Amino acid sequence: MSRDPWQLRVFCRADELAVRIYEATKGFPIEERFGLQSQLRRAAVSVPTNIVEGSARWSPKDYLHFLNTAQSSASETRYLIHLCGRLQFFPQGRRDELWTGYDDVCRGLQTVVTSIKRLEHSRRE
């Protein structure tokens, strides 16, 4: 059963935040092009990408696997935002905005995972 990721608020938020990460990292020092800038962008893009890939999987087990990977990438992104803020690669306000966004995404993904697990559990009973 293919699912439409665009129907998930958490996907739309992760998609929006990936764009914001690209915008926020444009001004990073040139020496970070292959360092933190690249790693932060890859982690941010991994979140919605894994939601999309999981949505195309037929089994709930596979879907959950990709949602778990998306959640891990969101956590990685959140840490990298923290680190980049400490290194003063973007202003504190921007750091806080992005941090809060990825915190919301982590919670949203957990909500989706919990819902799917409950649904699967009730189907087995």
PDB file of N, CA and C in Angstrom:
ATOM      1  N   MET A   1       0.840  -1.165   0.000  1.00  0.00           N
ATOM      2  CA  MET A   1       0.000   0.000   0.000  1.00  0.00           C
ATOM      3  C   MET A   1       0.896   1.243   0.000  1.00  0.00           C
ATOM      4  N   SER A   2       0.844   1.989  -1.063  1.00  0.00           N
ATOM      5  CA  SER A   2       1.623   3.223  -1.141  1.00  0.00           C
ATOM      6  C   SER A   2       0.900   4.315  -0.355  1.00  0.00           C
ATOM      7  N   ARG A   3       1.667   5.101   0.369  1.00  0.00           N
ATOM      8  CA  ARG A   3       1.118   6.181   1.189  1.00  0.00           C
ATOM      9  C   ARG A   3       1.557   7.507   0.594  1.00  0.00           C
ATOM     10  N   ASP A   4       0.769   8.545   0.788  1.00  0.00           N
ATOM     11  CA  ASP A   4       1.110   9.865   0.274  1.00  0.00           C
ATOM     12  C   ASP A   4       1.803  10.662   1.375  1.00  0.00           C
ATOM     13  N   PRO A   5       3.132  10.856   1.272  1.00  0.00           N
ATOM     14  CA  PRO A   5       3.850  11.564   2.336  1.00  0.00           C
ATOM     15  C   PRO A   5       3.382  13.014   2.482  1.00  0.00           C
ATOM     16  N   TRP A   6       2.858  13.601   1.412  1.00  0.00           N
ATOM     17  CA  TRP A   6       2.407  14.990   1.470  1.00  0.00           C
ATOM     18  C   TRP A   6       1.207  15.161   2.398  1.00  0.00           C
ATOM     19  N   GLN A   7       0.574  14.064   2.763  1.00  0.00           N
ATOM     20  CA  GLN A   7      -0.559  14.121   3.689  1.00  0.00           C
ATOM     21  C   GLN A   7      -0.102  14.149   5.150  1.00  0.00           C
ATOM     22  N   LEU A   8       1.189  13.937   5.371  1.00  0.00           N
ATOM     23  CA  LEU A   8       1.734  13.963   6.732  1.00  0.00           C
ATOM     24  C   LEU A   8       2.283  15.351   7.047  1.00  0.00           C
ATOM     25  N   ARG A   9       1.778  15.949   8.115  1.00  0.00           N
ATOM     26  CA  ARG A   9       2.301  17.253   8.537  1.00  0.00           C
ATOM     27  C   ARG A   9       3.797  17.194   8.810  1.00  0.00           C
ATOM     28  N   VAL A  10       4.246  16.084   9.388  1.00  0.00           N
ATOM     29  CA  VAL A  10       5.667  15.966   9.727  1.00  0.00           C
ATOM     30  C   VAL A  10       6.534  15.954   8.463  1.00  0.00           C
ATOM     31  N   PHE A  11       6.039  15.372   7.383  1.00  0.00           N
ATOM     32  CA  PHE A  11       6.793  15.397   6.128  1.00  0.00           C
ATOM     33  C   PHE A  11       6.882  16.821   5.588  1.00  0.00           C
ATOM     34  N   CYS A  12       5.753  17.520   5.565  1.00  0.00           N
ATOM     35  CA  CYS A  12       5.741  18.895   5.046  1.00  0.00           C
ATOM     36  C   CYS A  12       6.675  19.784   5.863  1.00  0.00           C
ATOM     37  N   ARG A  13       6.694  19.587   7.162  1.00  0.00           N
ATOM     38  CA  ARG A  13       7.572  20.371   8.040  1.00  0.00           C
ATOM     39  C   ARG A  13       9.038  20.024   7.768  1.00  0.00           C
ATOM     40  N   ALA A  14       9.345  18.746   7.609  1.00  0.00           N
ATOM     41  CA  ALA A  14      10.722  18.327   7.327  1.00  0.00           C
ATOM     42  C   ALA A  14      11.182  18.850   5.970  1.00  0.00           C
ATOM     43  N   ASP A  15      10.288  18.849   5.000  1.00  0.00           N
ATOM     44  CA  ASP A  15      10.591  19.368   3.673  1.00  0.00           C
ATOM     45  C   ASP A  15      10.902  20.867   3.746  1.00  0.00           C
ATOM     46  N   GLU A  16      10.059  21.595   4.467  1.00  0.00           N
ATOM     47  CA  GLU A  16      10.259  23.033   4.648  1.00  0.00           C
ATOM     48  C   GLU A  16      11.586  23.319   5.366  1.00  0.00           C
ATOM     49  N   LEU A  17      11.882  22.543   6.398  1.00  0.00           N
ATOM     50  CA  LEU A  17      13.113  22.754   7.156  1.00  0.00           C
ATOM     51  C   LEU A  17      14.368  22.439   6.341  1.00  0.00           C
ATOM     52  N   ALA A  18      14.281  21.479   5.446  1.00  0.00           N
ATOM     53  CA  ALA A  18      15.434  21.180   4.582  1.00  0.00           C
ATOM     54  C   ALA A  18      15.791  22.405   3.749  1.00  0.00           C
ATOM     55  N   VAL A  19      14.791  23.072   3.229  1.00  0.00           N
ATOM     56  CA  VAL A  19      15.029  24.304   2.457  1.00  0.00           C
ATOM     57  C   VAL A  19      15.645  25.370   3.362  1.00  0.00           C
ATOM     58  N   ARG A  20      15.131  25.494   4.574  1.00  0.00           N
ATOM     59  CA  ARG A  20      15.673  26.489   5.512  1.00  0.00           C
ATOM     60  C   ARG A  20      17.121  26.194   5.887  1.00  0.00           C
ATOM     61  N   ILE A  21      17.460  24.922   5.988  1.00  0.00           N
ATOM     62  CA  ILE A  21      18.857  24.552   6.272  1.00  0.00           C
ATOM     63  C   ILE A  21      19.754  25.001   5.125  1.00  0.00           C
ATOM     64  N   TYR A  22      19.318  24.770   3.891  1.00  0.00           N
ATOM     65  CA  TYR A  22      20.116  25.215   2.743  1.00  0.00           C
ATOM     66  C   TYR A  22      20.320  26.731   2.783  1.00  0.00           C
ATOM     67  N   GLU A  23      19.247  27.451   3.090  1.00  0.00           N
ATOM     68  CA  GLU A  23      19.353  28.912   3.169  1.00  0.00           C
ATOM     69  C   GLU A  23      20.281  29.333   4.305  1.00  0.00           C
ATOM     70  N   ALA A  24      20.150  28.685   5.460  1.00  0.00           N
ATOM     71  CA  ALA A  24      20.933  29.061   6.641  1.00  0.00           C
ATOM     72  C   ALA A  24      22.414  28.744   6.483  1.00  0.00           C
ATOM     73  N   THR A  25      22.735  27.772   5.649  1.00  0.00           N
ATOM     74  CA  THR A  25      24.140  27.365   5.498  1.00  0.00           C
ATOM     75  C   THR A  25      24.848  28.031   4.328  1.00  0.00           C
ATOM     76  N   LYS A  26      24.145  28.853   3.560  1.00  0.00           N
ATOM     77  CA  LYS A  26      24.776  29.546   2.422  1.00  0.00           C
ATOM     78  C   LYS A  26      25.958  30.399   2.860  1.00  0.00           C
ATOM     79  N   GLY A  27      25.863  30.989   4.021  1.00  0.00           N
ATOM     80  CA  GLY A  27      26.908  31.900   4.486  1.00  0.00           C
ATOM     81  C   GLY A  27      27.994  31.247   5.315  1.00  0.00           C
ATOM     82  N   PHE A  28      28.030  29.923   5.339  1.00  0.00           N
ATOM     83  CA  PHE A  28      29.071  29.238   6.108  1.00  0.00           C
ATOM     84  C   PHE A  28      30.451  29.542   5.519  1.00  0.00           C
ATOM     85  N   PRO A  29      31.475  29.465   6.343  1.00  0.00           N
ATOM     86  CA  PRO A  29      32.835  29.684   5.831  1.00  0.00           C
ATOM     87  C   PRO A  29      33.147  28.709   4.691  1.00  0.00           C
ATOM     88  N   ILE A  30      33.897  29.168   3.728  1.00  0.00           N
ATOM     89  CA  ILE A  30      34.225  28.368   2.546  1.00  0.00           C
ATOM     90  C   ILE A  30      34.901  27.049   2.918  1.00  0.00           C
ATOM     91  N   GLU A  31      35.683  27.066   4.002  1.00  0.00           N
ATOM     92  CA  GLU A  31      36.376  25.831   4.406  1.00  0.00           C
ATOM     93  C   GLU A  31      35.414  24.781   4.961  1.00  0.00           C
ATOM     94  N   GLU A  32      34.164  25.165   5.198  1.00  0.00           N
ATOM     95  CA  GLU A  32      33.166  24.207   5.686  1.00  0.00           C
ATOM     96  C   GLU A  32      32.315  23.615   4.566  1.00  0.00           C
ATOM     97  N   ARG A  33      32.614  23.981   3.323  1.00  0.00           N
ATOM     98  CA  ARG A  33      31.828  23.482   2.193  1.00  0.00           C
ATOM     99  C   ARG A  33      31.745  21.956   2.191  1.00  0.00           C
ATOM    100  N   PHE A  34      32.839  21.279   2.504  1.00  0.00           N
ATOM    101  CA  PHE A  34      32.854  19.815   2.508  1.00  0.00           C
ATOM    102  C   PHE A  34      32.826  19.257   3.923  1.00  0.00           C
ATOM    103  N   GLY A  35      32.614  20.115   4.889  1.00  0.00           N
ATOM    104  CA  GLY A  35      32.556  19.715   6.290  1.00  0.00           C
ATOM    105  C   GLY A  35      31.142  19.839   6.822  1.00  0.00           C
ATOM    106  N   LEU A  36      30.976  20.720   7.778  1.00  0.00           N
ATOM    107  CA  LEU A  36      29.683  20.859   8.445  1.00  0.00           C
ATOM    108  C   LEU A  36      28.560  21.294   7.513  1.00  0.00           C
ATOM    109  N   GLN A  37      28.851  22.155   6.560  1.00  0.00           N
ATOM    110  CA  GLN A  37      27.798  22.584   5.634  1.00  0.00           C
ATOM    111  C   GLN A  37      27.223  21.377   4.890  1.00  0.00           C
ATOM    112  N   SER A  38      28.101  20.571   4.356  1.00  0.00           N
ATOM    113  CA  SER A  38      27.678  19.395   3.605  1.00  0.00           C
ATOM    114  C   SER A  38      26.967  18.374   4.497  1.00  0.00           C
ATOM    115  N   GLN A  39      27.529  18.116   5.664  1.00  0.00           N
ATOM    116  CA  GLN A  39      26.940  17.124   6.560  1.00  0.00           C
ATOM    117  C   GLN A  39      25.566  17.566   7.050  1.00  0.00           C
ATOM    118  N   LEU A  40      25.431  18.837   7.392  1.00  0.00           N
ATOM    119  CA  LEU A  40      24.147  19.355   7.861  1.00  0.00           C
ATOM    120  C   LEU A  40      23.100  19.291   6.753  1.00  0.00           C
ATOM    121  N   ARG A  41      23.482  19.655   5.556  1.00  0.00           N
ATOM    122  CA  ARG A  41      22.540  19.590   4.435  1.00  0.00           C
ATOM    123  C   ARG A  41      22.117  18.153   4.135  1.00  0.00           C
ATOM    124  N   ARG A  42      23.076  17.245   4.136  1.00  0.00           N
ATOM    125  CA  ARG A  42      22.738  15.834   3.867  1.00  0.00           C
ATOM    126  C   ARG A  42      21.795  15.275   4.934  1.00  0.00           C
ATOM    127  N   ALA A  43      22.076  15.581   6.197  1.00  0.00           N
ATOM    128  CA  ALA A  43      21.222  15.087   7.281  1.00  0.00           C
ATOM    129  C   ALA A  43      19.815  15.662   7.156  1.00  0.00           C
ATOM    130  N   ALA A  44      19.723  16.960   6.846  1.00  0.00           N
ATOM    131  CA  ALA A  44      18.418  17.615   6.718  1.00  0.00           C
ATOM    132  C   ALA A  44      17.605  17.020   5.565  1.00  0.00           C
ATOM    133  N   VAL A  45      18.246  16.777   4.438  1.00  0.00           N
ATOM    134  CA  VAL A  45      17.550  16.217   3.276  1.00  0.00           C
ATOM    135  C   VAL A  45      17.171  14.754   3.519  1.00  0.00           C
ATOM    136  N   SER A  46      17.939  14.067   4.338  1.00  0.00           N
ATOM    137  CA  SER A  46      17.662  12.669   4.641  1.00  0.00           C
ATOM    138  C   SER A  46      16.322  12.476   5.347  1.00  0.00           C
ATOM    139  N   VAL A  47      15.899  13.469   6.111  1.00  0.00           N
ATOM    140  CA  VAL A  47      14.643  13.321   6.866  1.00  0.00           C
ATOM    141  C   VAL A  47      13.455  13.170   5.915  1.00  0.00           C
ATOM    142  N   PRO A  48      13.143  14.156   5.069  1.00  0.00           N
ATOM    143  CA  PRO A  48      11.990  13.967   4.181  1.00  0.00           C
ATOM    144  C   PRO A  48      12.214  12.859   3.149  1.00  0.00           C
ATOM    145  N   THR A  49      13.453  12.657   2.734  1.00  0.00           N
ATOM    146  CA  THR A  49      13.735  11.607   1.751  1.00  0.00           C
ATOM    147  C   THR A  49      13.383  10.228   2.297  1.00  0.00           C
ATOM    148  N   ASN A  50      13.732   9.973   3.549  1.00  0.00           N
ATOM    149  CA  ASN A  50      13.403   8.672   4.143  1.00  0.00           C
ATOM    150  C   ASN A  50      11.909   8.518   4.385  1.00  0.00           C
ATOM    151  N   ILE A  51      11.224   9.609   4.679  1.00  0.00           N
ATOM    152  CA  ILE A  51       9.767   9.532   4.816  1.00  0.00           C
ATOM    153  C   ILE A  51       9.146   9.153   3.472  1.00  0.00           C
ATOM    154  N   VAL A  52       9.627   9.775   2.398  1.00  0.00           N
ATOM    155  CA  VAL A  52       9.117   9.462   1.054  1.00  0.00           C
ATOM    156  C   VAL A  52       9.415   8.011   0.690  1.00  0.00           C
ATOM    157  N   GLU A  53      10.650   7.581   0.917  1.00  0.00           N
ATOM    158  CA  GLU A  53      11.005   6.204   0.564  1.00  0.00           C
ATOM    159  C   GLU A  53      10.188   5.205   1.378  1.00  0.00           C
ATOM    160  N   GLY A  54      10.029   5.460   2.664  1.00  0.00           N
ATOM    161  CA  GLY A  54       9.225   4.568   3.496  1.00  0.00           C
ATOM    162  C   GLY A  54       7.775   4.529   3.060  1.00  0.00           C
ATOM    163  N   SER A  55       7.264   5.676   2.641  1.00  0.00           N
ATOM    164  CA  SER A  55       5.870   5.753   2.198  1.00  0.00           C
ATOM    165  C   SER A  55       5.603   4.881   0.978  1.00  0.00           C
ATOM    166  N   ALA A  56       6.623   4.608   0.192  1.00  0.00           N
ATOM    167  CA  ALA A  56       6.465   3.792  -1.008  1.00  0.00           C
ATOM    168  C   ALA A  56       6.593   2.294  -0.719  1.00  0.00           C
ATOM    169  N   ARG A  57       6.949   1.944   0.494  1.00  0.00           N
ATOM    170  CA  ARG A  57       7.101   0.528   0.862  1.00  0.00           C
ATOM    171  C   ARG A  57       5.742  -0.081   1.195  1.00  0.00           C
ATOM    172  N   TRP A  58       5.608  -1.345   0.887  1.00  0.00           N
ATOM    173  CA  TRP A  58       4.331  -2.021   1.085  1.00  0.00           C
ATOM    174  C   TRP A  58       4.110  -2.454   2.521  1.00  0.00           C
ATOM    175  N   SER A  59       5.128  -2.936   3.166  1.00  0.00           N
ATOM    176  CA  SER A  59       4.914  -3.488   4.507  1.00  0.00           C
ATOM    177  C   SER A  59       5.077  -2.422   5.588  1.00  0.00           C
ATOM    178  N   PRO A  60       4.257  -2.509   6.620  1.00  0.00           N
ATOM    179  CA  PRO A  60       4.404  -1.585   7.753  1.00  0.00           C
ATOM    180  C   PRO A  60       5.799  -1.678   8.384  1.00  0.00           C
ATOM    181  N   LYS A  61       6.374  -2.863   8.396  1.00  0.00           N
ATOM    182  CA  LYS A  61       7.718  -3.045   8.969  1.00  0.00           C
ATOM    183  C   LYS A  61       8.745  -2.218   8.199  1.00  0.00           C
ATOM    184  N   ASP A  62       8.681  -2.245   6.879  1.00  0.00           N
ATOM    185  CA  ASP A  62       9.600  -1.450   6.062  1.00  0.00           C
ATOM    186  C   ASP A  62       9.345   0.048   6.251  1.00  0.00           C
ATOM    187  N   TYR A  63       8.074   0.411   6.291  1.00  0.00           N
ATOM    188  CA  TYR A  63       7.710   1.811   6.502  1.00  0.00           C
ATOM    189  C   TYR A  63       8.298   2.309   7.820  1.00  0.00           C
ATOM    190  N   LEU A  64       8.134   1.529   8.876  1.00  0.00           N
ATOM    191  CA  LEU A  64       8.668   1.902  10.188  1.00  0.00           C
ATOM    192  C   LEU A  64      10.179   2.018  10.167  1.00  0.00           C
ATOM    193  N   HIS A  65      10.836   1.148   9.415  1.00  0.00           N
ATOM    194  CA  HIS A  65      12.298   1.206   9.306  1.00  0.00           C
ATOM    195  C   HIS A  65      12.735   2.569   8.750  1.00  0.00           C
ATOM    196  N   PHE A  66      12.086   3.013   7.694  1.00  0.00           N
ATOM    197  CA  PHE A  66      12.464   4.292   7.083  1.00  0.00           C
ATOM    198  C   PHE A  66      12.069   5.478   7.959  1.00  0.00           C
ATOM    199  N   LEU A  67      10.959   5.367   8.678  1.00  0.00           N
ATOM    200  CA  LEU A  67      10.591   6.424   9.615  1.00  0.00           C
ATOM    201  C   LEU A  67      11.602   6.518  10.750  1.00  0.00           C
ATOM    202  N   ASN A  68      12.102   5.368  11.177  1.00  0.00           N
ATOM    203  CA  ASN A  68      13.144   5.352  12.205  1.00  0.00           C
ATOM    204  C   ASN A  68      14.409   6.023  11.691  1.00  0.00           C
ATOM    205  N   THR A  69      14.769   5.747  10.453  1.00  0.00           N
ATOM    206  CA  THR A  69      15.947   6.382   9.850  1.00  0.00           C
ATOM    207  C   THR A  69      15.731   7.888   9.736  1.00  0.00           C
ATOM    208  N   ALA A  70      14.526   8.306   9.362  1.00  0.00           N
ATOM    209  CA  ALA A  70      14.209   9.736   9.284  1.00  0.00           C
ATOM    210  C   ALA A  70      14.349  10.381  10.655  1.00  0.00           C
ATOM    211  N   GLN A  71      13.890   9.684  11.672  1.00  0.00           N
ATOM    212  CA  GLN A  71      13.984  10.215  13.036  1.00  0.00           C
ATOM    213  C   GLN A  71      15.444  10.333  13.475  1.00  0.00           C
ATOM    214  N   SER A  72      16.252   9.361  13.113  1.00  0.00           N
ATOM    215  CA  SER A  72      17.683   9.421  13.428  1.00  0.00           C
ATOM    216  C   SER A  72      18.341  10.597  12.714  1.00  0.00           C
ATOM    217  N   SER A  73      17.988  10.808  11.469  1.00  0.00           N
ATOM    218  CA  SER A  73      18.547  11.933  10.711  1.00  0.00           C
ATOM    219  C   SER A  73      18.087  13.269  11.290  1.00  0.00           C
ATOM    220  N   ALA A  74      16.856  13.341  11.760  1.00  0.00           N
ATOM    221  CA  ALA A  74      16.368  14.570  12.387  1.00  0.00           C
ATOM    222  C   ALA A  74      17.147  14.854  13.669  1.00  0.00           C
ATOM    223  N   SER A  75      17.445  13.812  14.425  1.00  0.00           N
ATOM    224  CA  SER A  75      18.245  13.982  15.644  1.00  0.00           C
ATOM    225  C   SER A  75      19.662  14.430  15.307  1.00  0.00           C
ATOM    226  N   GLU A  76      20.233  13.842  14.263  1.00  0.00           N
ATOM    227  CA  GLU A  76      21.567  14.254  13.819  1.00  0.00           C
ATOM    228  C   GLU A  76      21.544  15.723  13.396  1.00  0.00           C
ATOM    229  N   THR A  77      20.538  16.105  12.642  1.00  0.00           N
ATOM    230  CA  THR A  77      20.411  17.487  12.185  1.00  0.00           C
ATOM    231  C   THR A  77      20.308  18.433  13.373  1.00  0.00           C
ATOM    232  N   ARG A  78      19.520  18.046  14.350  1.00  0.00           N
ATOM    233  CA  ARG A  78      19.346  18.877  15.539  1.00  0.00           C
ATOM    234  C   ARG A  78      20.692  19.096  16.251  1.00  0.00           C
ATOM    235  N   TYR A  79      21.478  18.032  16.374  1.00  0.00           N
ATOM    236  CA  TYR A  79      22.799  18.193  16.997  1.00  0.00           C
ATOM    237  C   TYR A  79      23.698  19.112  16.166  1.00  0.00           C
ATOM    238  N   LEU A  80      23.707  18.911  14.858  1.00  0.00           N
ATOM    239  CA  LEU A  80      24.568  19.728  13.999  1.00  0.00           C
ATOM    240  C   LEU A  80      24.161  21.199  14.050  1.00  0.00           C
ATOM    241  N   ILE A  81      22.874  21.465  14.188  1.00  0.00           N
ATOM    242  CA  ILE A  81      22.409  22.841  14.359  1.00  0.00           C
ATOM    243  C   ILE A  81      22.992  23.418  15.643  1.00  0.00           C
ATOM    244  N   HIS A  82      22.947  22.629  16.689  1.00  0.00           N
ATOM    245  CA  HIS A  82      23.523  23.051  17.976  1.00  0.00           C
ATOM    246  C   HIS A  82      25.015  23.357  17.821  1.00  0.00           C
ATOM    247  N   LEU A  83      25.743  22.462  17.198  1.00  0.00           N
ATOM    248  CA  LEU A  83      27.182  22.645  17.012  1.00  0.00           C
ATOM    249  C   LEU A  83      27.480  23.883  16.178  1.00  0.00           C
ATOM    250  N   CYS A  84      26.759  24.048  15.092  1.00  0.00           N
ATOM    251  CA  CYS A  84      26.982  25.212  14.230  1.00  0.00           C
ATOM    252  C   CYS A  84      26.644  26.512  14.949  1.00  0.00           C
ATOM    253  N   GLY A  85      25.663  26.455  15.814  1.00  0.00           N
ATOM    254  CA  GLY A  85      25.351  27.625  16.629  1.00  0.00           C
ATOM    255  C   GLY A  85      26.494  27.952  17.578  1.00  0.00           C
ATOM    256  N   ARG A  86      27.055  26.931  18.199  1.00  0.00           N
ATOM    257  CA  ARG A  86      28.185  27.146  19.116  1.00  0.00           C
ATOM    258  C   ARG A  86      29.406  27.698  18.387  1.00  0.00           C
ATOM    259  N   LEU A  87      29.564  27.286  17.134  1.00  0.00           N
ATOM    260  CA  LEU A  87      30.684  27.775  16.319  1.00  0.00           C
ATOM    261  C   LEU A  87      30.368  29.133  15.685  1.00  0.00           C
ATOM    262  N   GLN A  88      29.182  29.635  15.954  1.00  0.00           N
ATOM    263  CA  GLN A  88      28.714  30.931  15.469  1.00  0.00           C
ATOM    264  C   GLN A  88      28.661  31.010  13.942  1.00  0.00           C
ATOM    265  N   PHE A  89      28.247  29.897  13.325  1.00  0.00           N
ATOM    266  CA  PHE A  89      28.081  29.885  11.877  1.00  0.00           C
ATOM    267  C   PHE A  89      26.760  30.513  11.453  1.00  0.00           C
ATOM    268  N   PHE A  90      25.806  30.603  12.369  1.00  0.00           N
ATOM    269  CA  PHE A  90      24.608  31.399  12.133  1.00  0.00           C
ATOM    270  C   PHE A  90      24.135  31.980  13.455  1.00  0.00           C
ATOM    271  N   PRO A  91      23.332  33.044  13.398  1.00  0.00           N
ATOM    272  CA  PRO A  91      22.915  33.748  14.614  1.00  0.00           C
ATOM    273  C   PRO A  91      22.089  32.861  15.547  1.00  0.00           C
ATOM    274  N   GLN A  92      22.107  33.211  16.826  1.00  0.00           N
ATOM    275  CA  GLN A  92      21.380  32.458  17.856  1.00  0.00           C
ATOM    276  C   GLN A  92      19.901  32.306  17.523  1.00  0.00           C
ATOM    277  N   GLY A  93      19.272  33.357  17.028  1.00  0.00           N
ATOM    278  CA  GLY A  93      17.850  33.287  16.679  1.00  0.00           C
ATOM    279  C   GLY A  93      17.573  32.246  15.611  1.00  0.00           C
ATOM    280  N   ARG A  94      18.445  32.193  14.620  1.00  0.00           N
ATOM    281  CA  ARG A  94      18.295  31.202  13.545  1.00  0.00           C
ATOM    282  C   ARG A  94      18.519  29.804  14.095  1.00  0.00           C
ATOM    283  N   ARG A  95      19.529  29.662  14.952  1.00  0.00           N
ATOM    284  CA  ARG A  95      19.802  28.369  15.585  1.00  0.00           C
ATOM    285  C   ARG A  95      18.572  27.904  16.359  1.00  0.00           C
ATOM    286  N   ASP A  96      17.986  28.796  17.136  1.00  0.00           N
ATOM    287  CA  ASP A  96      16.821  28.427  17.941  1.00  0.00           C
ATOM    288  C   ASP A  96      15.633  28.027  17.070  1.00  0.00           C
ATOM    289  N   GLU A  97      15.419  28.774  15.987  1.00  0.00           N
ATOM    290  CA  GLU A  97      14.315  28.472  15.067  1.00  0.00           C
ATOM    291  C   GLU A  97      14.482  27.077  14.458  1.00  0.00           C
ATOM    292  N   LEU A  98      15.678  26.791  13.981  1.00  0.00           N
ATOM    293  CA  LEU A  98      15.935  25.491  13.357  1.00  0.00           C
ATOM    294  C   LEU A  98      15.886  24.361  14.385  1.00  0.00           C
ATOM    295  N   TRP A  99      16.479  24.598  15.547  1.00  0.00           N
ATOM    296  CA  TRP A  99      16.471  23.594  16.622  1.00  0.00           C
ATOM    297  C   TRP A  99      15.024  23.223  16.974  1.00  0.00           C
ATOM    298  N   THR A 100      14.191  24.230  17.189  1.00  0.00           N
ATOM    299  CA  THR A 100      12.793  24.003  17.545  1.00  0.00           C
ATOM    300  C   THR A 100      12.071  23.247  16.433  1.00  0.00           C
ATOM    301  N   GLY A 101      12.350  23.611  15.192  1.00  0.00           N
ATOM    302  CA  GLY A 101      11.741  22.917  14.058  1.00  0.00           C
ATOM    303  C   GLY A 101      12.073  21.442  14.038  1.00  0.00           C
ATOM    304  N   TYR A 102      13.332  21.111  14.230  1.00  0.00           N
ATOM    305  CA  TYR A 102      13.727  19.696  14.211  1.00  0.00           C
ATOM    306  C   TYR A 102      13.285  18.961  15.461  1.00  0.00           C
ATOM    307  N   ASP A 103      13.145  19.668  16.569  1.00  0.00           N
ATOM    308  CA  ASP A 103      12.583  19.060  17.763  1.00  0.00           C
ATOM    309  C   ASP A 103      11.133  18.663  17.493  1.00  0.00           C
ATOM    310  N   ASP A 104      10.382  19.545  16.825  1.00  0.00           N
ATOM    311  CA  ASP A 104       8.999  19.241  16.442  1.00  0.00           C
ATOM    312  C   ASP A 104       8.931  18.055  15.479  1.00  0.00           C
ATOM    313  N   VAL A 105       9.867  18.006  14.540  1.00  0.00           N
ATOM    314  CA  VAL A 105       9.895  16.896  13.578  1.00  0.00           C
ATOM    315  C   VAL A 105      10.167  15.579  14.303  1.00  0.00           C
ATOM    316  N   CYS A 106      11.110  15.577  15.231  1.00  0.00           N
ATOM    317  CA  CYS A 106      11.399  14.351  15.997  1.00  0.00           C
ATOM    318  C   CYS A 106      10.152  13.869  16.732  1.00  0.00           C
ATOM    319  N   ARG A 107       9.450  14.784  17.380  1.00  0.00           N
ATOM    320  CA  ARG A 107       8.226  14.414  18.097  1.00  0.00           C
ATOM    321  C   ARG A 107       7.136  13.946  17.122  1.00  0.00           C
ATOM    322  N   GLY A 108       7.028  14.631  15.992  1.00  0.00           N
ATOM    323  CA  GLY A 108       6.027  14.239  14.996  1.00  0.00           C
ATOM    324  C   GLY A 108       6.279  12.856  14.431  1.00  0.00           C
ATOM    325  N   LEU A 109       7.525  12.554  14.165  1.00  0.00           N
ATOM    326  CA  LEU A 109       7.861  11.219  13.657  1.00  0.00           C
ATOM    327  C   LEU A 109       7.564  10.152  14.708  1.00  0.00           C
ATOM    328  N   GLN A 110       7.854  10.454  15.963  1.00  0.00           N
ATOM    329  CA  GLN A 110       7.544   9.496  17.025  1.00  0.00           C
ATOM    330  C   GLN A 110       6.046   9.249  17.111  1.00  0.00           C
ATOM    331  N   THR A 111       5.258  10.284  16.923  1.00  0.00           N
ATOM    332  CA  THR A 111       3.800  10.141  16.936  1.00  0.00           C
ATOM    333  C   THR A 111       3.328   9.232  15.801  1.00  0.00           C
ATOM    334  N   VAL A 112       3.887   9.427  14.609  1.00  0.00           N
ATOM    335  CA  VAL A 112       3.509   8.586  13.462  1.00  0.00           C
ATOM    336  C   VAL A 112       3.906   7.132  13.722  1.00  0.00           C
ATOM    337  N   VAL A 113       5.116   6.920  14.210  1.00  0.00           N
ATOM    338  CA  VAL A 113       5.593   5.562  14.503  1.00  0.00           C
ATOM    339  C   VAL A 113       4.686   4.892  15.535  1.00  0.00           C
ATOM    340  N   THR A 114       4.359   5.597  16.597  1.00  0.00           N
ATOM    341  CA  THR A 114       3.496   5.043  17.645  1.00  0.00           C
ATOM    342  C   THR A 114       2.125   4.687  17.086  1.00  0.00           C
ATOM    343  N   SER A 115       1.581   5.540  16.233  1.00  0.00           N
ATOM    344  CA  SER A 115       0.271   5.274  15.624  1.00  0.00           C
ATOM    345  C   SER A 115       0.303   4.020  14.755  1.00  0.00           C
ATOM    346  N   ILE A 116       1.339   3.888  13.971  1.00  0.00           N
ATOM    347  CA  ILE A 116       1.457   2.710  13.091  1.00  0.00           C
ATOM    348  C   ILE A 116       1.599   1.443  13.918  1.00  0.00           C
ATOM    349  N   LYS A 117       2.406   1.502  14.966  1.00  0.00           N
ATOM    350  CA  LYS A 117       2.595   0.325  15.831  1.00  0.00           C
ATOM    351  C   LYS A 117       1.279  -0.062  16.505  1.00  0.00           C
ATOM    352  N   ARG A 118       0.526   0.924  16.971  1.00  0.00           N
ATOM    353  CA  ARG A 118      -0.773   0.636  17.595  1.00  0.00           C
ATOM    354  C   ARG A 118      -1.729  -0.004  16.594  1.00  0.00           C
ATOM    355  N   LEU A 119      -1.758   0.548  15.398  1.00  0.00           N
ATOM    356  CA  LEU A 119      -2.637   0.010  14.356  1.00  0.00           C
ATOM    357  C   LEU A 119      -2.263  -1.422  14.026  1.00  0.00           C
ATOM    358  N   GLU A 120      -0.975  -1.684  13.879  1.00  0.00           N
ATOM    359  CA  GLU A 120      -0.522  -3.048  13.565  1.00  0.00           C
ATOM    360  C   GLU A 120      -0.823  -4.003  14.718  1.00  0.00           C
ATOM    361  N   HIS A 121      -0.655  -3.529  15.929  1.00  0.00           N
ATOM    362  CA  HIS A 121      -0.945  -4.368  17.103  1.00  0.00           C
ATOM    363  C   HIS A 121      -2.430  -4.719  17.155  1.00  0.00           C
ATOM    364  N   SER A 122      -3.279  -3.739  16.883  1.00  0.00           N
ATOM    365  CA  SER A 122      -4.734  -3.993  16.931  1.00  0.00           C
ATOM    366  C   SER A 122      -5.169  -4.916  15.797  1.00  0.00           C
ATOM    367  N   ARG A 123      -4.488  -4.885  14.678  1.00  0.00           N
ATOM    368  CA  ARG A 123      -4.822  -5.796  13.563  1.00  0.00           C
ATOM    369  C   ARG A 123      -4.484  -7.238  13.889  1.00  0.00           C
ATOM    370  N   ARG A 124      -3.451  -7.428  14.703  1.00  0.00           N
ATOM    371  CA  ARG A 124      -3.024  -8.791  15.070  1.00  0.00           C
ATOM    372  C   ARG A 124      -3.919  -9.393  16.122  1.00  0.00           C
ATOM    373  N   GLU A 125      -4.653  -8.575  16.848  1.00  0.00           N
ATOM    374  CA  GLU A 125      -5.504  -9.111  17.932  1.00  0.00           C
ATOM    375  C   GLU A 125      -6.821  -9.594  17.425  1.00  0.00           C
TER     376      GLU A 125
END
